Amino acid sequence: MTPRVPIRRKVSFLTDERAVAAVEMALIAPVALIMLFLIVAAGQTLMIYHKVVLAAHTVTDLVSRTPYVADPNTQGGELVPQSTVQNDLALAQMVLYPWDPSNLTASVSELSVNSSNNVGTVVWSEPYPSTASAPKTGSTVSLDPNYTASGAPYLLSGQVTYTFQPLGGVLSLPPITLTASEILIIRNATQITEEVGS
């Protein structure tokens, strides 16, 4: 025969504040931890996105402002070796440091501006790494009217894409791909011609 527990003892367990706190903690802790991880992941994403935006601006600005060799075939134009553009694009890795650069791609393209319809046509494009994709020569890009209002016949367009795993896969969140682009006026010339293979 099983011993009977006095009713007073049962009632005291149900009203014991320590027991209630333990049950509340067991219910709230998992939800609170998940929310904490999601807040950290959101902050991490925002921080990396800021770096991607900065990388897009940096590489586009480097190509746009470096004084290259004068192009003998284009009045007011400059020649830039393909290797120099590749080196400038590779600096996006430095901006993303300390994050792993293996999932980074970048490209820079020169756009011929048609101010009548706010469209830019790709004259040349260089991807990084060389196996990545870049806008095709002859493809068109819609431009903000403010760019065409500047009167520049050519613009440089840079784009950086970075894919990362939030929280290093702790919550099995899907990978996030962040992309940023920048359009700038060529600083030291009217046009830049890329010397492919140099």
C-alpha atoms as a PDB file:
ATOM      1  CA  MET A   1       0.000   0.000   0.000  1.00  0.00           C
ATOM      2  CA  THR A   2       1.383   3.401  -1.023  1.00  0.00           C
ATOM      3  CA  PRO A   3       1.761   6.036   1.634  1.00  0.00           C
ATOM      4  CA  ARG A   4      -0.637   8.919   1.328  1.00  0.00           C
ATOM      5  CA  VAL A   5       0.811  12.377   0.968  1.00  0.00           C
ATOM      6  CA  PRO A   6      -0.804  14.884   3.218  1.00  0.00           C
ATOM      7  CA  ILE A   7      -2.983  17.429   1.368  1.00  0.00           C
ATOM      8  CA  ARG A   8      -1.123  20.259   3.005  1.00  0.00           C
ATOM      9  CA  ARG A   9       2.118  19.237   1.305  1.00  0.00           C
ATOM     10  CA  LYS A  10       0.472  19.113  -2.157  1.00  0.00           C
ATOM     11  CA  VAL A  11      -1.012  22.556  -1.753  1.00  0.00           C
ATOM     12  CA  SER A  12       2.277  24.010  -0.570  1.00  0.00           C
ATOM     13  CA  PHE A  13       4.060  22.782  -3.764  1.00  0.00           C
ATOM     14  CA  LEU A  14       1.443  24.431  -5.961  1.00  0.00           C
ATOM     15  CA  THR A  15       1.801  27.734  -4.167  1.00  0.00           C
ATOM     16  CA  ASP A  16       5.582  27.608  -3.668  1.00  0.00           C
ATOM     17  CA  GLU A  17       7.120  30.620  -5.451  1.00  0.00           C
ATOM     18  CA  ARG A  18      10.295  28.715  -6.291  1.00  0.00           C
ATOM     19  CA  ALA A  19       8.351  26.093  -8.191  1.00  0.00           C
ATOM     20  CA  VAL A  20       6.390  28.725 -10.102  1.00  0.00           C
ATOM     21  CA  ALA A  21       9.626  30.538 -11.021  1.00  0.00           C
ATOM     22  CA  ALA A  22      11.185  27.291 -12.267  1.00  0.00           C
ATOM     23  CA  VAL A  23       8.188  26.582 -14.504  1.00  0.00           C
ATOM     24  CA  GLU A  24       8.184  30.146 -15.835  1.00  0.00           C
ATOM     25  CA  MET A  25      11.906  29.918 -16.563  1.00  0.00           C
ATOM     26  CA  ALA A  26      11.457  26.617 -18.406  1.00  0.00           C
ATOM     27  CA  LEU A  27       8.781  28.200 -20.593  1.00  0.00           C
ATOM     28  CA  ILE A  28      10.439  31.564 -21.240  1.00  0.00           C
ATOM     29  CA  ALA A  29      14.157  30.659 -21.522  1.00  0.00           C
ATOM     30  CA  PRO A  30      14.038  28.926 -24.947  1.00  0.00           C
ATOM     31  CA  VAL A  31      12.005  31.752 -26.496  1.00  0.00           C
ATOM     32  CA  ALA A  32      14.270  34.396 -24.934  1.00  0.00           C
ATOM     33  CA  LEU A  33      17.415  32.630 -26.183  1.00  0.00           C
ATOM     34  CA  ILE A  34      16.045  32.343 -29.727  1.00  0.00           C
ATOM     35  CA  MET A  35      15.124  36.045 -29.701  1.00  0.00           C
ATOM     36  CA  LEU A  36      18.601  36.911 -28.422  1.00  0.00           C
ATOM     37  CA  PHE A  37      20.249  34.879 -31.205  1.00  0.00           C
ATOM     38  CA  LEU A  38      18.025  36.536 -33.830  1.00  0.00           C
ATOM     39  CA  ILE A  39      18.902  40.006 -32.525  1.00  0.00           C
ATOM     40  CA  VAL A  40      22.609  39.156 -32.687  1.00  0.00           C
ATOM     41  CA  ALA A  41      22.169  37.778 -36.240  1.00  0.00           C
ATOM     42  CA  ALA A  42      20.364  40.966 -37.311  1.00  0.00           C
ATOM     43  CA  GLY A  43      23.151  43.115 -35.866  1.00  0.00           C
ATOM     44  CA  GLN A  44      25.762  40.966 -37.597  1.00  0.00           C
ATOM     45  CA  THR A  45      23.906  41.277 -40.908  1.00  0.00           C
ATOM     46  CA  LEU A  46      23.668  45.056 -40.579  1.00  0.00           C
ATOM     47  CA  MET A  47      27.375  45.349 -39.779  1.00  0.00           C
ATOM     48  CA  ILE A  48      28.392  43.209 -42.765  1.00  0.00           C
ATOM     49  CA  TYR A  49      25.998  45.071 -45.082  1.00  0.00           C
ATOM     50  CA  HIS A  50      27.699  48.327 -44.067  1.00  0.00           C
ATOM     51  CA  LYS A  51      31.039  46.785 -45.054  1.00  0.00           C
ATOM     52  CA  VAL A  52      29.616  45.615 -48.412  1.00  0.00           C
ATOM     53  CA  VAL A  53      28.352  49.158 -49.157  1.00  0.00           C
ATOM     54  CA  LEU A  54      31.748  50.578 -48.194  1.00  0.00           C
ATOM     55  CA  ALA A  55      33.536  47.998 -50.381  1.00  0.00           C
ATOM     56  CA  ALA A  56      31.376  48.890 -53.410  1.00  0.00           C
ATOM     57  CA  HIS A  57      32.141  52.581 -52.963  1.00  0.00           C
ATOM     58  CA  THR A  58      35.854  51.990 -52.347  1.00  0.00           C
ATOM     59  CA  VAL A  59      36.575  49.869 -55.424  1.00  0.00           C
ATOM     60  CA  THR A  60      34.491  52.075 -57.737  1.00  0.00           C
ATOM     61  CA  ASP A  61      36.154  55.200 -56.372  1.00  0.00           C
ATOM     62  CA  LEU A  62      39.640  53.716 -56.825  1.00  0.00           C
ATOM     63  CA  VAL A  63      39.026  52.952 -60.494  1.00  0.00           C
ATOM     64  CA  SER A  64      37.342  56.318 -61.102  1.00  0.00           C
ATOM     65  CA  ARG A  65      39.980  58.572 -59.598  1.00  0.00           C
ATOM     66  CA  THR A  66      43.340  56.958 -60.433  1.00  0.00           C
ATOM     67  CA  PRO A  67      45.218  58.902 -63.140  1.00  0.00           C
ATOM     68  CA  TYR A  68      45.998  56.354 -65.841  1.00  0.00           C
ATOM     69  CA  VAL A  69      47.994  56.636 -69.085  1.00  0.00           C
ATOM     70  CA  ALA A  70      46.444  58.870 -71.753  1.00  0.00           C
ATOM     71  CA  ASP A  71      44.599  56.928 -74.458  1.00  0.00           C
ATOM     72  CA  PRO A  72      46.083  57.901 -77.850  1.00  0.00           C
ATOM     73  CA  ASN A  73      42.895  56.740 -79.634  1.00  0.00           C
ATOM     74  CA  THR A  74      40.375  58.639 -77.486  1.00  0.00           C
ATOM     75  CA  GLN A  75      40.480  62.367 -76.869  1.00  0.00           C
ATOM     76  CA  GLY A  76      40.322  62.975 -73.135  1.00  0.00           C
ATOM     77  CA  GLY A  77      40.442  59.235 -72.474  1.00  0.00           C
ATOM     78  CA  GLU A  78      42.711  57.079 -70.353  1.00  0.00           C
ATOM     79  CA  LEU A  79      44.021  53.535 -70.653  1.00  0.00           C
ATOM     80  CA  VAL A  80      43.833  51.249 -67.638  1.00  0.00           C
ATOM     81  CA  PRO A  81      45.483  47.814 -67.602  1.00  0.00           C
ATOM     82  CA  GLN A  82      43.125  44.946 -66.793  1.00  0.00           C
ATOM     83  CA  SER A  83      45.495  43.840 -64.018  1.00  0.00           C
ATOM     84  CA  THR A  84      45.153  47.237 -62.331  1.00  0.00           C
ATOM     85  CA  VAL A  85      41.354  46.981 -62.314  1.00  0.00           C
ATOM     86  CA  GLN A  86      41.667  43.446 -60.875  1.00  0.00           C
ATOM     87  CA  ASN A  87      43.968  44.752 -58.126  1.00  0.00           C
ATOM     88  CA  ASP A  88      41.530  47.552 -57.277  1.00  0.00           C
ATOM     89  CA  LEU A  89      38.624  45.100 -57.106  1.00  0.00           C
ATOM     90  CA  ALA A  90      40.637  42.741 -54.897  1.00  0.00           C
ATOM     91  CA  LEU A  91      40.861  45.478 -52.264  1.00  0.00           C
ATOM     92  CA  ALA A  92      37.202  44.786 -51.439  1.00  0.00           C
ATOM     93  CA  GLN A  93      38.598  41.885 -49.391  1.00  0.00           C
ATOM     94  CA  MET A  94      40.439  44.342 -47.172  1.00  0.00           C
ATOM     95  CA  VAL A  95      37.249  46.296 -46.497  1.00  0.00           C
ATOM     96  CA  LEU A  96      35.427  43.105 -45.462  1.00  0.00           C
ATOM     97  CA  TYR A  97      38.200  42.015 -43.080  1.00  0.00           C
ATOM     98  CA  PRO A  98      37.978  40.070 -40.740  1.00  0.00           C
ATOM     99  CA  TRP A  99      35.133  38.262 -42.531  1.00  0.00           C
ATOM    100  CA  ASP A 100      35.972  35.363 -44.855  1.00  0.00           C
ATOM    101  CA  PRO A 101      36.454  36.805 -48.380  1.00  0.00           C
ATOM    102  CA  SER A 102      35.879  33.505 -50.191  1.00  0.00           C
ATOM    103  CA  ASN A 103      32.201  34.349 -50.817  1.00  0.00           C
ATOM    104  CA  LEU A 104      32.945  37.825 -52.174  1.00  0.00           C
ATOM    105  CA  THR A 105      32.403  38.878 -55.787  1.00  0.00           C
ATOM    106  CA  ALA A 106      32.854  42.334 -57.264  1.00  0.00           C
ATOM    107  CA  SER A 107      32.688  44.021 -60.628  1.00  0.00           C
ATOM    108  CA  VAL A 108      33.203  47.427 -62.171  1.00  0.00           C
ATOM    109  CA  SER A 109      31.721  48.548 -65.477  1.00  0.00           C
ATOM    110  CA  GLU A 110      31.945  51.657 -67.610  1.00  0.00           C
ATOM    111  CA  LEU A 111      28.592  52.984 -68.809  1.00  0.00           C
ATOM    112  CA  SER A 112      28.022  55.156 -71.860  1.00  0.00           C
ATOM    113  CA  VAL A 113      25.284  57.587 -70.820  1.00  0.00           C
ATOM    114  CA  ASN A 114      22.250  58.305 -72.991  1.00  0.00           C
ATOM    115  CA  SER A 115      20.762  61.365 -71.289  1.00  0.00           C
ATOM    116  CA  SER A 116      17.648  61.404 -73.484  1.00  0.00           C
ATOM    117  CA  ASN A 117      16.234  58.234 -71.896  1.00  0.00           C
ATOM    118  CA  ASN A 118      18.367  57.907 -68.698  1.00  0.00           C
ATOM    119  CA  VAL A 119      19.989  54.667 -69.836  1.00  0.00           C
ATOM    120  CA  GLY A 120      23.596  53.565 -69.535  1.00  0.00           C
ATOM    121  CA  THR A 121      25.113  51.040 -71.940  1.00  0.00           C
ATOM    122  CA  VAL A 122      27.964  48.854 -70.699  1.00  0.00           C
ATOM    123  CA  VAL A 123      31.165  49.635 -72.644  1.00  0.00           C
ATOM    124  CA  TRP A 124      33.396  47.227 -70.711  1.00  0.00           C
ATOM    125  CA  SER A 125      33.108  45.264 -67.496  1.00  0.00           C
ATOM    126  CA  GLU A 126      35.597  43.517 -65.231  1.00  0.00           C
ATOM    127  CA  PRO A 127      34.629  40.893 -62.624  1.00  0.00           C
ATOM    128  CA  TYR A 128      36.495  39.770 -59.508  1.00  0.00           C
ATOM    129  CA  PRO A 129      37.446  37.034 -59.205  1.00  0.00           C
ATOM    130  CA  SER A 130      37.806  36.498 -62.927  1.00  0.00           C
ATOM    131  CA  THR A 131      35.422  33.512 -62.768  1.00  0.00           C
ATOM    132  CA  ALA A 132      32.589  35.685 -61.367  1.00  0.00           C
ATOM    133  CA  SER A 133      29.863  37.202 -63.506  1.00  0.00           C
ATOM    134  CA  ALA A 134      29.717  40.841 -64.567  1.00  0.00           C
ATOM    135  CA  PRO A 135      27.350  42.893 -66.705  1.00  0.00           C
ATOM    136  CA  LYS A 136      27.716  41.975 -70.383  1.00  0.00           C
ATOM    137  CA  THR A 137      29.111  44.497 -72.856  1.00  0.00           C
ATOM    138  CA  GLY A 138      26.219  46.156 -74.648  1.00  0.00           C
ATOM    139  CA  SER A 139      23.688  45.485 -71.884  1.00  0.00           C
ATOM    140  CA  THR A 140      21.759  48.485 -70.577  1.00  0.00           C
ATOM    141  CA  VAL A 141      21.187  49.888 -67.109  1.00  0.00           C
ATOM    142  CA  SER A 142      18.470  52.340 -66.050  1.00  0.00           C
ATOM    143  CA  LEU A 143      20.032  55.420 -64.491  1.00  0.00           C
ATOM    144  CA  ASP A 144      18.704  57.892 -61.979  1.00  0.00           C
ATOM    145  CA  PRO A 145      18.018  61.225 -63.777  1.00  0.00           C
ATOM    146  CA  ASN A 146      20.429  62.912 -61.343  1.00  0.00           C
ATOM    147  CA  TYR A 147      23.315  60.986 -62.908  1.00  0.00           C
ATOM    148  CA  THR A 148      22.415  61.989 -66.449  1.00  0.00           C
ATOM    149  CA  ALA A 149      21.863  65.580 -65.313  1.00  0.00           C
ATOM    150  CA  SER A 150      25.555  65.753 -64.390  1.00  0.00           C
ATOM    151  CA  GLY A 151      26.388  65.866 -68.103  1.00  0.00           C
ATOM    152  CA  ALA A 152      29.070  63.179 -67.866  1.00  0.00           C
ATOM    153  CA  PRO A 153      29.176  61.095 -71.080  1.00  0.00           C
ATOM    154  CA  TYR A 154      30.533  58.053 -69.175  1.00  0.00           C
ATOM    155  CA  LEU A 155      30.032  56.717 -65.655  1.00  0.00           C
ATOM    156  CA  LEU A 156      31.577  53.901 -63.639  1.00  0.00           C
ATOM    157  CA  SER A 157      29.310  51.376 -61.970  1.00  0.00           C
ATOM    158  CA  GLY A 158      30.653  49.093 -59.242  1.00  0.00           C
ATOM    159  CA  GLN A 159      28.919  46.203 -57.516  1.00  0.00           C
ATOM    160  CA  VAL A 160      29.920  44.007 -54.570  1.00  0.00           C
ATOM    161  CA  THR A 161      28.091  40.846 -53.462  1.00  0.00           C
ATOM    162  CA  TYR A 162      28.838  38.891 -50.306  1.00  0.00           C
ATOM    163  CA  THR A 163      27.203  35.711 -48.978  1.00  0.00           C
ATOM    164  CA  PHE A 164      27.606  34.740 -45.332  1.00  0.00           C
ATOM    165  CA  GLN A 165      26.151  32.314 -42.772  1.00  0.00           C
ATOM    166  CA  PRO A 166      24.599  34.191 -39.814  1.00  0.00           C
ATOM    167  CA  LEU A 167      25.894  33.108 -36.407  1.00  0.00           C
ATOM    168  CA  GLY A 168      28.167  30.589 -38.088  1.00  0.00           C
ATOM    169  CA  GLY A 169      25.231  28.198 -38.538  1.00  0.00           C
ATOM    170  CA  VAL A 170      24.330  27.971 -34.825  1.00  0.00           C
ATOM    171  CA  LEU A 171      20.573  28.211 -35.501  1.00  0.00           C
ATOM    172  CA  SER A 172      20.690  26.693 -38.995  1.00  0.00           C
ATOM    173  CA  LEU A 173      19.649  30.035 -40.483  1.00  0.00           C
ATOM    174  CA  PRO A 174      19.881  30.157 -44.284  1.00  0.00           C
ATOM    175  CA  PRO A 175      22.843  31.966 -45.885  1.00  0.00           C
ATOM    176  CA  ILE A 176      22.240  35.654 -46.580  1.00  0.00           C
ATOM    177  CA  THR A 177      23.453  37.354 -49.768  1.00  0.00           C
ATOM    178  CA  LEU A 178      24.107  41.090 -49.501  1.00  0.00           C
ATOM    179  CA  THR A 179      24.618  43.292 -52.561  1.00  0.00           C
ATOM    180  CA  ALA A 180      25.584  46.948 -52.895  1.00  0.00           C
ATOM    181  CA  SER A 181      26.280  49.072 -55.958  1.00  0.00           C
ATOM    182  CA  GLU A 182      27.807  52.474 -56.603  1.00  0.00           C
ATOM    183  CA  ILE A 183      27.806  54.771 -59.634  1.00  0.00           C
ATOM    184  CA  LEU A 184      30.453  57.499 -59.891  1.00  0.00           C
ATOM    185  CA  ILE A 185      31.690  60.021 -62.424  1.00  0.00           C
ATOM    186  CA  ILE A 186      35.165  59.343 -63.852  1.00  0.00           C
ATOM    187  CA  ARG A 187      37.417  61.852 -62.099  1.00  0.00           C
ATOM    188  CA  ASN A 188      40.497  62.384 -64.270  1.00  0.00           C
ATOM    189  CA  ALA A 189      39.220  61.729 -67.789  1.00  0.00           C
ATOM    190  CA  THR A 190      36.123  61.673 -69.946  1.00  0.00           C
ATOM    191  CA  GLN A 191      36.394  57.944 -70.584  1.00  0.00           C
ATOM    192  CA  ILE A 192      38.484  54.958 -69.438  1.00  0.00           C
ATOM    193  CA  THR A 193      39.484  52.224 -71.853  1.00  0.00           C
ATOM    194  CA  GLU A 194      40.431  48.887 -70.355  1.00  0.00           C
ATOM    195  CA  GLU A 195      43.484  47.172 -71.847  1.00  0.00           C
ATOM    196  CA  VAL A 196      42.485  43.530 -71.740  1.00  0.00           C
ATOM    197  CA  GLY A 197      45.330  41.072 -71.119  1.00  0.00           C
ATOM    198  CA  SER A 198      47.701  43.671 -69.685  1.00  0.00           C
END
